[in-house]
Amino acid sequence: MPVKLFVGNLSEETTSAEIRDLFSSAGVVESCQVVVDRETGRSKRFGFVEMDSREAANAAKEKFNGHNLHGKTLKVDEAKPRIEK
């Protein structure tokens, strides 16, 4: 069952493809998205990675939480369910 991870503290230049490549070393990545502002098209400096299993998600959290990418220390944790307003 896929597990969604939150990836925070990204630098402005970090791309979804870059995050996908990075997290692929921990397991199979089902999907990856760096969130961008609809109006400006600029990165909101966080994103989501969906790993194919709990084991892969745990490995990715352990491997990349605190990892330095473009001078930023990544924050990786399990994504919380979205709260509709």
Protein backbone atom coordinates (compact mmCIF):
# COMPACT_ATOMS: atom_id res chain seq x y z
CA MET A 1 0.00 0.00 0.00
CA PRO A 2 1.48 3.41 -0.98
CA VAL A 3 2.60 5.80 1.76
CA LYS A 4 2.72 9.57 1.18
CA LEU A 5 5.60 11.57 2.64
CA PHE A 6 5.80 15.31 3.20
CA VAL A 7 9.13 16.83 2.14
CA GLY A 8 9.73 20.31 3.51
CA ASN A 9 12.39 23.02 3.52
CA LEU A 10 13.15 22.64 -0.18
CA SER A 11 15.16 25.29 -1.97
CA GLU A 12 13.45 27.33 -4.67
CA GLU A 13 15.36 25.55 -7.47
CA THR A 14 14.54 21.98 -6.39
CA THR A 15 12.43 20.13 -8.98
CA SER A 16 10.03 17.19 -8.76
CA ALA A 17 12.34 15.15 -11.00
CA GLU A 18 15.26 15.80 -8.67
CA ILE A 19 13.27 14.70 -5.62
CA ARG A 20 12.03 11.60 -7.49
CA ASP A 21 15.60 10.62 -8.40
CA LEU A 22 16.80 11.19 -4.85
CA PHE A 23 14.02 9.19 -3.18
CA SER A 24 14.29 6.37 -5.75
CA SER A 25 17.48 5.29 -4.00
CA ALA A 26 15.34 4.35 -0.96
CA GLY A 27 12.63 2.45 -2.87
CA VAL A 28 10.01 2.68 -5.59
CA VAL A 29 8.51 6.16 -5.98
CA GLU A 30 4.86 6.05 -7.08
CA SER A 31 4.53 9.82 -7.49
CA CYS A 32 6.36 13.02 -6.66
CA GLN A 33 5.24 16.65 -6.69
CA VAL A 34 6.87 19.89 -5.60
CA VAL A 35 3.99 22.25 -4.78
CA VAL A 36 3.96 25.54 -6.70
CA ASP A 37 1.98 28.73 -6.21
CA ARG A 38 -0.79 28.93 -8.83
CA GLU A 39 -0.43 32.66 -9.33
CA THR A 40 3.35 33.03 -9.49
CA GLY A 41 4.42 29.54 -10.58
CA ARG A 42 7.13 29.63 -7.90
CA SER A 43 7.87 26.75 -5.58
CA LYS A 44 6.19 26.82 -2.17
CA ARG A 45 9.32 24.97 -0.97
CA PHE A 46 7.59 21.75 -0.01
CA GLY A 47 6.28 18.71 -1.77
CA PHE A 48 5.00 15.17 -1.49
CA VAL A 49 6.52 11.83 -2.42
CA GLU A 50 4.43 8.67 -2.53
CA MET A 51 6.46 5.53 -1.90
CA ASP A 52 5.12 2.09 -2.89
CA SER A 53 5.40 0.53 0.58
CA ARG A 54 5.69 1.29 4.29
CA GLU A 55 9.24 -0.15 4.24
CA ALA A 56 10.33 2.18 1.41
CA ALA A 57 8.71 5.16 3.14
CA ASN A 58 10.46 4.39 6.43
CA ALA A 59 13.79 3.95 4.62
CA ALA A 60 13.30 7.28 2.82
CA LYS A 61 12.42 9.08 6.06
CA GLU A 62 15.48 7.68 7.79
CA LYS A 63 17.78 8.40 4.86
CA PHE A 64 16.59 11.88 3.85
CA ASN A 65 15.27 13.59 6.99
CA GLY A 66 18.10 16.02 7.71
CA HIS A 67 19.69 15.47 4.26
CA ASN A 68 21.31 18.58 2.76
CA LEU A 69 20.05 19.49 -0.72
CA HIS A 70 20.99 22.84 -2.35
CA GLY A 71 22.11 24.13 1.05
CA LYS A 72 18.79 23.31 2.73
CA THR A 73 18.20 20.63 5.37
CA LEU A 74 15.25 18.50 4.25
CA LYS A 75 12.41 17.70 6.62
CA VAL A 76 10.77 14.39 5.77
CA ASP A 77 7.78 12.94 7.60
CA GLU A 78 4.63 11.02 6.86
CA ALA A 79 2.05 13.33 5.27
CA LYS A 80 -0.94 14.18 7.41
CA PRO A 81 -4.43 13.78 5.93
CA ARG A 82 -5.67 16.93 4.22
CA ILE A 83 -8.26 18.87 6.20
CA GLU A 84 -10.98 20.32 4.00
CA LYS A 85 -12.15 23.83 4.93
